[in-house]
Amino acid sequence: MNWLWMAIGIVLLVVGAELLVRGASQLALLFKISPLVVGLTVVAFGTSAPELAVSVASALKGDASIAIGNVVGSNIFNVLFILGISAMIVPLSVIQQLIRFDVPLLIAITALVWWMASSGGIDRMEGSLLILGLLTYTVWSIWQSRKESAEVQAEYAQEYSPVSVPEKQGSVVFL
């Protein structure tokens, strides 16, 4: 019976992931923001919600080690395993913004969190600073994305917009 529940869970996970990506793509079109920003915000927030729940529950129970381990472990797993497997399946193209800004920022934030934690914990003020940094980064990313050229926006819209199927089939397909 456990195998059945696990199989059902995997199927629901795949379906949910597909719906999240399709919904995020449509959201990007609606708000005219780039796929990178959607990945850095909507998809990242959506996939991190369970980690947030575990970390908050752990912190409320006084078990900060679980909260910190959850965040650090998740980041290591995402960067090394998920990115590695994805690149093995299909080579990933990387835009210059990611190389010049986002990756160095990720490294700097990692160093900052390490420095904060080296004192034996991350206090409310440091947590507030991290949240302010996230909000600032999100607003900045959306603002930068809206400055993209019309050509890039048109290409993205063509790739992810609904496409009508011939009249006799009478349905709409999202590519």
C-alpha atoms as a PDB file:
ATOM      1  CA  MET A   1       0.000   0.000   0.000  1.00  0.00           C
ATOM      2  CA  ASN A   2       2.891   2.375   0.734  1.00  0.00           C
ATOM      3  CA  TRP A   3       4.166   1.930  -2.823  1.00  0.00           C
ATOM      4  CA  LEU A   4       0.760   2.941  -4.165  1.00  0.00           C
ATOM      5  CA  TRP A   5       0.731   6.135  -2.072  1.00  0.00           C
ATOM      6  CA  MET A   6       4.276   6.912  -3.180  1.00  0.00           C
ATOM      7  CA  ALA A   7       3.337   6.420  -6.840  1.00  0.00           C
ATOM      8  CA  ILE A   8       0.276   8.636  -6.426  1.00  0.00           C
ATOM      9  CA  GLY A   9       2.437  11.264  -4.721  1.00  0.00           C
ATOM     10  CA  ILE A  10       4.973  11.233  -7.565  1.00  0.00           C
ATOM     11  CA  VAL A  11       2.240  11.580 -10.190  1.00  0.00           C
ATOM     12  CA  LEU A  12       0.671  14.479  -8.280  1.00  0.00           C
ATOM     13  CA  LEU A  13       4.103  16.096  -7.890  1.00  0.00           C
ATOM     14  CA  VAL A  14       4.752  15.936 -11.638  1.00  0.00           C
ATOM     15  CA  VAL A  15       1.272  17.268 -12.478  1.00  0.00           C
ATOM     16  CA  GLY A  16       1.624  20.057  -9.901  1.00  0.00           C
ATOM     17  CA  ALA A  17       5.059  21.022 -11.230  1.00  0.00           C
ATOM     18  CA  GLU A  18       3.705  21.170 -14.776  1.00  0.00           C
ATOM     19  CA  LEU A  19       0.789  23.356 -13.685  1.00  0.00           C
ATOM     20  CA  LEU A  20       3.148  25.643 -11.748  1.00  0.00           C
ATOM     21  CA  VAL A  21       5.438  26.139 -14.748  1.00  0.00           C
ATOM     22  CA  ARG A  22       2.562  26.718 -17.177  1.00  0.00           C
ATOM     23  CA  GLY A  23       0.845  29.115 -14.784  1.00  0.00           C
ATOM     24  CA  ALA A  24       4.093  30.980 -14.176  1.00  0.00           C
ATOM     25  CA  SER A  25       4.661  31.302 -17.923  1.00  0.00           C
ATOM     26  CA  GLN A  26       1.203  32.766 -18.394  1.00  0.00           C
ATOM     27  CA  LEU A  27       1.791  35.109 -15.443  1.00  0.00           C
ATOM     28  CA  ALA A  28       5.012  36.315 -17.077  1.00  0.00           C
ATOM     29  CA  LEU A  29       3.111  37.091 -20.256  1.00  0.00           C
ATOM     30  CA  LEU A  30       0.382  38.906 -18.369  1.00  0.00           C
ATOM     31  CA  PHE A  31       2.817  41.119 -16.430  1.00  0.00           C
ATOM     32  CA  LYS A  32       5.382  41.354 -19.270  1.00  0.00           C
ATOM     33  CA  ILE A  33       8.325  40.021 -17.303  1.00  0.00           C
ATOM     34  CA  SER A  34      11.075  37.670 -18.457  1.00  0.00           C
ATOM     35  CA  PRO A  35      11.194  33.901 -17.954  1.00  0.00           C
ATOM     36  CA  LEU A  36      14.317  34.351 -15.792  1.00  0.00           C
ATOM     37  CA  VAL A  37      12.453  36.635 -13.402  1.00  0.00           C
ATOM     38  CA  VAL A  38       9.535  34.202 -13.261  1.00  0.00           C
ATOM     39  CA  GLY A  39      11.971  31.433 -12.354  1.00  0.00           C
ATOM     40  CA  LEU A  40      13.686  33.605  -9.759  1.00  0.00           C
ATOM     41  CA  THR A  41      10.420  34.698  -8.163  1.00  0.00           C
ATOM     42  CA  VAL A  42       7.149  32.876  -8.817  1.00  0.00           C
ATOM     43  CA  VAL A  43       8.567  29.390  -9.368  1.00  0.00           C
ATOM     44  CA  ALA A  44      11.192  29.794  -6.634  1.00  0.00           C
ATOM     45  CA  PHE A  45       8.609  30.994  -4.111  1.00  0.00           C
ATOM     46  CA  GLY A  46       6.188  28.227  -5.080  1.00  0.00           C
ATOM     47  CA  THR A  47       8.739  25.444  -4.809  1.00  0.00           C
ATOM     48  CA  SER A  48      10.176  26.840  -1.567  1.00  0.00           C
ATOM     49  CA  ALA A  49       6.856  27.026   0.282  1.00  0.00           C
ATOM     50  CA  PRO A  50       7.238  23.534   1.812  1.00  0.00           C
ATOM     51  CA  GLU A  51      10.761  24.417   2.977  1.00  0.00           C
ATOM     52  CA  LEU A  52       9.409  27.595   4.541  1.00  0.00           C
ATOM     53  CA  ALA A  53       6.806  25.589   6.448  1.00  0.00           C
ATOM     54  CA  VAL A  54       9.434  23.151   7.760  1.00  0.00           C
ATOM     55  CA  SER A  55      11.836  25.946   8.725  1.00  0.00           C
ATOM     56  CA  VAL A  56       9.183  28.023  10.506  1.00  0.00           C
ATOM     57  CA  ALA A  57       7.837  24.977  12.365  1.00  0.00           C
ATOM     58  CA  SER A  58      11.381  24.034  13.404  1.00  0.00           C
ATOM     59  CA  ALA A  59      12.185  27.554  14.545  1.00  0.00           C
ATOM     60  CA  LEU A  60       8.960  27.752  16.576  1.00  0.00           C
ATOM     61  CA  LYS A  61       9.863  24.467  18.282  1.00  0.00           C
ATOM     62  CA  GLY A  62      13.297  25.867  19.126  1.00  0.00           C
ATOM     63  CA  ASP A  63      15.157  23.575  16.734  1.00  0.00           C
ATOM     64  CA  ALA A  64      17.060  26.114  14.672  1.00  0.00           C
ATOM     65  CA  SER A  65      19.470  23.456  13.385  1.00  0.00           C
ATOM     66  CA  ILE A  66      16.676  21.860  11.349  1.00  0.00           C
ATOM     67  CA  ALA A  67      15.683  25.249   9.895  1.00  0.00           C
ATOM     68  CA  ILE A  68      19.261  26.158   8.913  1.00  0.00           C
ATOM     69  CA  GLY A  69      20.016  22.635   7.671  1.00  0.00           C
ATOM     70  CA  ASN A  70      16.847  22.669   5.577  1.00  0.00           C
ATOM     71  CA  VAL A  71      17.823  25.922   3.848  1.00  0.00           C
ATOM     72  CA  VAL A  72      21.478  25.036   3.321  1.00  0.00           C
ATOM     73  CA  GLY A  73      20.721  21.479   2.236  1.00  0.00           C
ATOM     74  CA  SER A  74      18.045  22.613  -0.172  1.00  0.00           C
ATOM     75  CA  ASN A  75      20.364  25.141  -1.802  1.00  0.00           C
ATOM     76  CA  ILE A  76      23.174  22.601  -2.156  1.00  0.00           C
ATOM     77  CA  PHE A  77      20.778  20.015  -3.589  1.00  0.00           C
ATOM     78  CA  ASN A  78      19.197  22.497  -6.020  1.00  0.00           C
ATOM     79  CA  VAL A  79      22.500  23.850  -7.329  1.00  0.00           C
ATOM     80  CA  LEU A  80      24.438  20.607  -7.548  1.00  0.00           C
ATOM     81  CA  PHE A  81      21.844  17.921  -8.226  1.00  0.00           C
ATOM     82  CA  ILE A  82      18.829  19.564  -9.866  1.00  0.00           C
ATOM     83  CA  LEU A  83      20.899  21.896 -12.035  1.00  0.00           C
ATOM     84  CA  GLY A  84      23.324  19.062 -12.841  1.00  0.00           C
ATOM     85  CA  ILE A  85      20.594  16.599 -13.847  1.00  0.00           C
ATOM     86  CA  SER A  86      18.813  19.274 -15.910  1.00  0.00           C
ATOM     87  CA  ALA A  87      22.042  20.110 -17.767  1.00  0.00           C
ATOM     88  CA  MET A  88      22.706  16.410 -18.409  1.00  0.00           C
ATOM     89  CA  ILE A  89      19.280  16.008 -19.999  1.00  0.00           C
ATOM     90  CA  VAL A  90      19.334  19.218 -22.063  1.00  0.00           C
ATOM     91  CA  PRO A  91      22.278  21.638 -22.204  1.00  0.00           C
ATOM     92  CA  LEU A  92      21.196  24.865 -20.515  1.00  0.00           C
ATOM     93  CA  SER A  93      21.828  28.241 -22.118  1.00  0.00           C
ATOM     94  CA  VAL A  94      22.710  31.011 -19.694  1.00  0.00           C
ATOM     95  CA  ILE A  95      22.081  34.718 -20.225  1.00  0.00           C
ATOM     96  CA  GLN A  96      24.724  37.277 -19.320  1.00  0.00           C
ATOM     97  CA  GLN A  97      22.635  38.796 -16.491  1.00  0.00           C
ATOM     98  CA  LEU A  98      22.837  35.494 -14.662  1.00  0.00           C
ATOM     99  CA  ILE A  99      26.636  35.337 -14.982  1.00  0.00           C
ATOM    100  CA  ARG A 100      27.340  38.984 -14.289  1.00  0.00           C
ATOM    101  CA  PHE A 101      24.817  39.725 -11.555  1.00  0.00           C
ATOM    102  CA  ASP A 102      22.703  36.876 -10.195  1.00  0.00           C
ATOM    103  CA  VAL A 103      25.431  34.265  -9.573  1.00  0.00           C
ATOM    104  CA  PRO A 104      27.840  36.744  -7.914  1.00  0.00           C
ATOM    105  CA  LEU A 105      24.908  37.988  -5.808  1.00  0.00           C
ATOM    106  CA  LEU A 106      24.106  34.396  -4.796  1.00  0.00           C
ATOM    107  CA  ILE A 107      27.730  33.896  -3.746  1.00  0.00           C
ATOM    108  CA  ALA A 108      27.747  37.195  -1.817  1.00  0.00           C
ATOM    109  CA  ILE A 109      24.489  36.356  -0.019  1.00  0.00           C
ATOM    110  CA  THR A 110      25.843  32.910   0.849  1.00  0.00           C
ATOM    111  CA  ALA A 111      28.939  34.551   2.356  1.00  0.00           C
ATOM    112  CA  LEU A 112      26.738  37.041   4.236  1.00  0.00           C
ATOM    113  CA  VAL A 113      24.574  34.279   5.715  1.00  0.00           C
ATOM    114  CA  TRP A 114      27.716  32.332   6.679  1.00  0.00           C
ATOM    115  CA  TRP A 115      29.046  35.445   8.416  1.00  0.00           C
ATOM    116  CA  MET A 116      25.714  36.028  10.191  1.00  0.00           C
ATOM    117  CA  ALA A 117      25.538  32.411  11.356  1.00  0.00           C
ATOM    118  CA  SER A 118      29.187  32.353  12.499  1.00  0.00           C
ATOM    119  CA  SER A 119      28.190  34.277  15.620  1.00  0.00           C
ATOM    120  CA  GLY A 120      26.120  31.291  16.692  1.00  0.00           C
ATOM    121  CA  GLY A 121      22.759  32.274  15.230  1.00  0.00           C
ATOM    122  CA  ILE A 122      20.785  34.568  12.981  1.00  0.00           C
ATOM    123  CA  ASP A 123      18.786  37.084  14.999  1.00  0.00           C
ATOM    124  CA  ARG A 124      15.624  39.027  14.134  1.00  0.00           C
ATOM    125  CA  MET A 125      17.523  42.032  12.797  1.00  0.00           C
ATOM    126  CA  GLU A 126      19.604  39.851  10.472  1.00  0.00           C
ATOM    127  CA  GLY A 127      16.481  37.960   9.393  1.00  0.00           C
ATOM    128  CA  SER A 128      14.766  41.271   8.651  1.00  0.00           C
ATOM    129  CA  LEU A 129      17.792  42.342   6.605  1.00  0.00           C
ATOM    130  CA  LEU A 130      17.613  39.122   4.578  1.00  0.00           C
ATOM    131  CA  ILE A 131      13.879  39.603   3.916  1.00  0.00           C
ATOM    132  CA  LEU A 132      14.463  43.230   2.902  1.00  0.00           C
ATOM    133  CA  GLY A 133      17.201  42.008   0.559  1.00  0.00           C
ATOM    134  CA  LEU A 134      14.807  39.502  -1.004  1.00  0.00           C
ATOM    135  CA  LEU A 135      12.119  42.148  -1.519  1.00  0.00           C
ATOM    136  CA  THR A 136      14.652  44.582  -2.989  1.00  0.00           C
ATOM    137  CA  TYR A 137      16.041  41.932  -5.329  1.00  0.00           C
ATOM    138  CA  THR A 138      12.552  40.884  -6.461  1.00  0.00           C
ATOM    139  CA  VAL A 139      11.441  44.454  -7.200  1.00  0.00           C
ATOM    140  CA  TRP A 140      14.733  45.188  -8.980  1.00  0.00           C
ATOM    141  CA  SER A 141      14.453  42.000 -11.076  1.00  0.00           C
ATOM    142  CA  ILE A 142      10.915  42.832 -12.172  1.00  0.00           C
ATOM    143  CA  TRP A 143      11.913  46.417 -12.975  1.00  0.00           C
ATOM    144  CA  GLN A 144      14.905  45.222 -15.040  1.00  0.00           C
ATOM    145  CA  SER A 145      12.767  42.664 -16.827  1.00  0.00           C
ATOM    146  CA  ARG A 146      10.259  45.275 -17.923  1.00  0.00           C
ATOM    147  CA  LYS A 147      13.097  47.158 -19.618  1.00  0.00           C
ATOM    148  CA  GLU A 148      13.719  44.233 -21.989  1.00  0.00           C
ATOM    149  CA  SER A 149      13.533  44.935 -25.670  1.00  0.00           C
ATOM    150  CA  ALA A 150      10.231  44.514 -27.470  1.00  0.00           C
ATOM    151  CA  GLU A 151      11.850  41.821 -29.611  1.00  0.00           C
ATOM    152  CA  VAL A 152      12.601  39.587 -26.620  1.00  0.00           C
ATOM    153  CA  GLN A 153       9.081  40.110 -25.249  1.00  0.00           C
ATOM    154  CA  ALA A 154       7.554  39.231 -28.638  1.00  0.00           C
ATOM    155  CA  GLU A 155       9.653  36.056 -28.882  1.00  0.00           C
ATOM    156  CA  TYR A 156       8.629  34.994 -25.390  1.00  0.00           C
ATOM    157  CA  ALA A 157       4.965  35.784 -26.077  1.00  0.00           C
ATOM    158  CA  GLN A 158       5.059  33.724 -29.280  1.00  0.00           C
ATOM    159  CA  GLU A 159       6.640  30.759 -27.507  1.00  0.00           C
ATOM    160  CA  TYR A 160       4.279  30.657 -24.514  1.00  0.00           C
ATOM    161  CA  SER A 161       0.998  32.135 -25.714  1.00  0.00           C
ATOM    162  CA  PRO A 162      -2.101  30.033 -26.415  1.00  0.00           C
ATOM    163  CA  VAL A 163      -2.260  28.633 -29.935  1.00  0.00           C
ATOM    164  CA  SER A 164      -5.593  27.895 -31.533  1.00  0.00           C
ATOM    165  CA  VAL A 165      -6.138  24.438 -32.938  1.00  0.00           C
ATOM    166  CA  PRO A 166      -8.008  24.131 -36.278  1.00  0.00           C
ATOM    167  CA  GLU A 167     -11.765  24.720 -36.081  1.00  0.00           C
ATOM    168  CA  LYS A 168     -12.850  21.097 -36.370  1.00  0.00           C
ATOM    169  CA  GLN A 169     -10.998  20.125 -33.184  1.00  0.00           C
ATOM    170  CA  GLY A 170     -12.487  23.085 -31.342  1.00  0.00           C
ATOM    171  CA  SER A 171     -10.002  23.407 -28.482  1.00  0.00           C
ATOM    172  CA  VAL A 172      -7.081  25.541 -27.412  1.00  0.00           C
ATOM    173  CA  VAL A 173      -3.625  24.130 -26.766  1.00  0.00           C
ATOM    174  CA  PHE A 174      -1.036  25.815 -24.568  1.00  0.00           C
ATOM    175  CA  LEU A 175       2.478  25.258 -25.812  1.00  0.00           C
END
